[in-house]
Amino acid sequence: MYTKPDILPVEVSFNKRDFTNDHITYGFYDAFVLDVQPRLVSKRGGTKLTIRGFGFVNSGKDEIASKFASKDFGELSCNGQSCVTPAKFVDKNTITAEALP
């Protein structure tokens, strides 16, 4: 199991030739989902989901989201839009979300 973030240098350019040399690094985890409960949700939405896995990080902002898709049909549509809903960080192995209609 991979529990250590990748650390990459980040430098910025406004002309694609001259980059900053600040030696700033950025760390990130590739989140990995192991399980989602419950396995079935209502078509009307509103089902509370508990998502378990690893690599979940609390950014301190409301930027965590869940996107719903199907193995057979790909990305799902919710009311004609992408099924993306806010999620809440619980701990490094758990986030929660609510299924949309």
Protein backbone atom coordinates (compact mmCIF):
# COMPACT_ATOMS: atom_id res chain seq x y z
CA MET A 1 0.00 0.00 0.00
CA TYR A 2 1.34 3.41 -0.96
CA THR A 3 0.96 5.83 1.94
CA LYS A 4 3.69 8.36 1.21
CA PRO A 5 3.02 11.36 -1.06
CA ASP A 6 4.83 11.98 -4.34
CA ILE A 7 6.91 15.14 -4.01
CA LEU A 8 7.44 17.13 -7.19
CA PRO A 9 9.17 20.45 -7.85
CA VAL A 10 6.94 23.26 -9.14
CA GLU A 11 8.33 26.19 -11.11
CA VAL A 12 6.26 28.78 -13.00
CA SER A 13 6.80 30.45 -16.39
CA PHE A 14 4.89 33.18 -18.19
CA ASN A 15 6.63 32.68 -21.53
CA LYS A 16 7.30 28.89 -21.58
CA ARG A 17 11.08 29.53 -21.58
CA ASP A 18 12.07 31.30 -18.37
CA PHE A 19 11.01 29.49 -15.20
CA THR A 20 11.23 30.48 -11.57
CA ASN A 21 13.95 28.84 -9.54
CA ASP A 22 12.31 28.93 -6.10
CA HIS A 23 12.75 25.21 -5.33
CA ILE A 24 9.14 24.95 -4.16
CA THR A 25 7.80 21.40 -3.94
CA TYR A 26 4.26 20.08 -4.12
CA GLY A 27 3.17 16.85 -2.48
CA PHE A 28 0.18 14.79 -3.55
CA TYR A 29 -1.35 11.40 -2.97
CA ASP A 30 -3.08 9.26 -5.53
CA ALA A 31 -6.25 8.44 -3.65
CA PHE A 32 -7.40 4.84 -3.96
CA VAL A 33 -10.94 3.64 -3.17
CA LEU A 34 -11.26 0.20 -1.59
CA ASP A 35 -14.97 0.15 -0.72
CA VAL A 36 -18.15 2.22 -0.85
CA GLN A 37 -21.15 1.58 1.41
CA PRO A 38 -23.99 1.18 0.72
CA ARG A 39 -23.50 -0.57 -2.61
CA LEU A 40 -26.96 0.43 -3.91
CA VAL A 41 -28.35 3.97 -3.97
CA SER A 42 -31.75 5.47 -4.71
CA LYS A 43 -32.37 7.00 -8.15
CA ARG A 44 -33.92 9.93 -6.26
CA GLY A 45 -30.54 10.67 -4.64
CA GLY A 46 -29.87 11.58 -1.05
CA THR A 47 -28.18 8.31 -0.10
CA LYS A 48 -25.31 8.93 2.33
CA LEU A 49 -22.15 7.14 1.20
CA THR A 50 -19.10 6.12 3.21
CA ILE A 51 -16.04 5.78 0.99
CA ARG A 52 -13.06 3.87 2.40
CA GLY A 53 -9.58 3.68 0.96
CA PHE A 54 -6.23 5.36 1.37
CA GLY A 55 -4.47 8.51 0.26
CA PHE A 56 -7.29 10.82 1.39
CA VAL A 57 -5.90 14.18 2.47
CA ASN A 58 -7.65 17.03 4.26
CA SER A 59 -6.76 20.11 2.21
CA GLY A 60 -8.41 22.38 4.77
CA LYS A 61 -10.70 23.62 2.01
CA ASP A 62 -14.02 22.42 0.64
CA GLU A 63 -12.38 20.96 -2.47
CA ILE A 64 -13.03 17.25 -1.91
CA ALA A 65 -15.58 15.83 -4.35
CA SER A 66 -16.97 12.50 -5.53
CA LYS A 67 -17.73 11.68 -9.16
CA PHE A 68 -20.14 8.90 -10.01
CA ALA A 69 -19.71 6.55 -12.93
CA SER A 70 -20.62 3.04 -14.05
CA LYS A 71 -18.29 0.28 -15.21
CA ASP A 72 -20.71 -0.47 -18.05
CA PHE A 73 -21.80 3.04 -19.04
CA GLY A 74 -18.93 5.33 -18.00
CA GLU A 75 -19.63 8.72 -16.46
CA LEU A 76 -23.21 9.10 -15.24
CA SER A 77 -25.49 12.08 -15.81
CA CYS A 78 -27.42 13.67 -12.92
CA ASN A 79 -30.18 16.00 -14.11
CA GLY A 80 -28.29 16.46 -17.38
CA GLN A 81 -24.99 17.31 -15.64
CA SER A 82 -21.94 15.42 -14.46
CA CYS A 83 -22.54 13.54 -11.19
CA VAL A 84 -20.05 15.41 -9.02
CA THR A 85 -20.99 16.05 -5.42
CA PRO A 86 -19.09 17.59 -2.52
CA ALA A 87 -17.44 15.10 -0.18
CA LYS A 88 -16.30 15.44 3.42
CA PHE A 89 -12.94 14.33 4.79
CA VAL A 90 -13.36 12.13 7.87
CA ASP A 91 -9.86 10.69 8.23
CA LYS A 92 -7.01 9.49 6.00
CA ASN A 93 -8.99 6.35 5.16
CA THR A 94 -12.57 7.67 5.02
CA ILE A 95 -14.60 10.31 3.21
CA THR A 96 -18.38 10.72 3.04
CA ALA A 97 -20.61 11.96 0.23
CA GLU A 98 -24.23 12.02 -0.83
CA ALA A 99 -25.52 10.45 -4.03
CA LEU A 100 -27.23 12.88 -6.43
CA PRO A 101 -30.41 12.15 -8.44
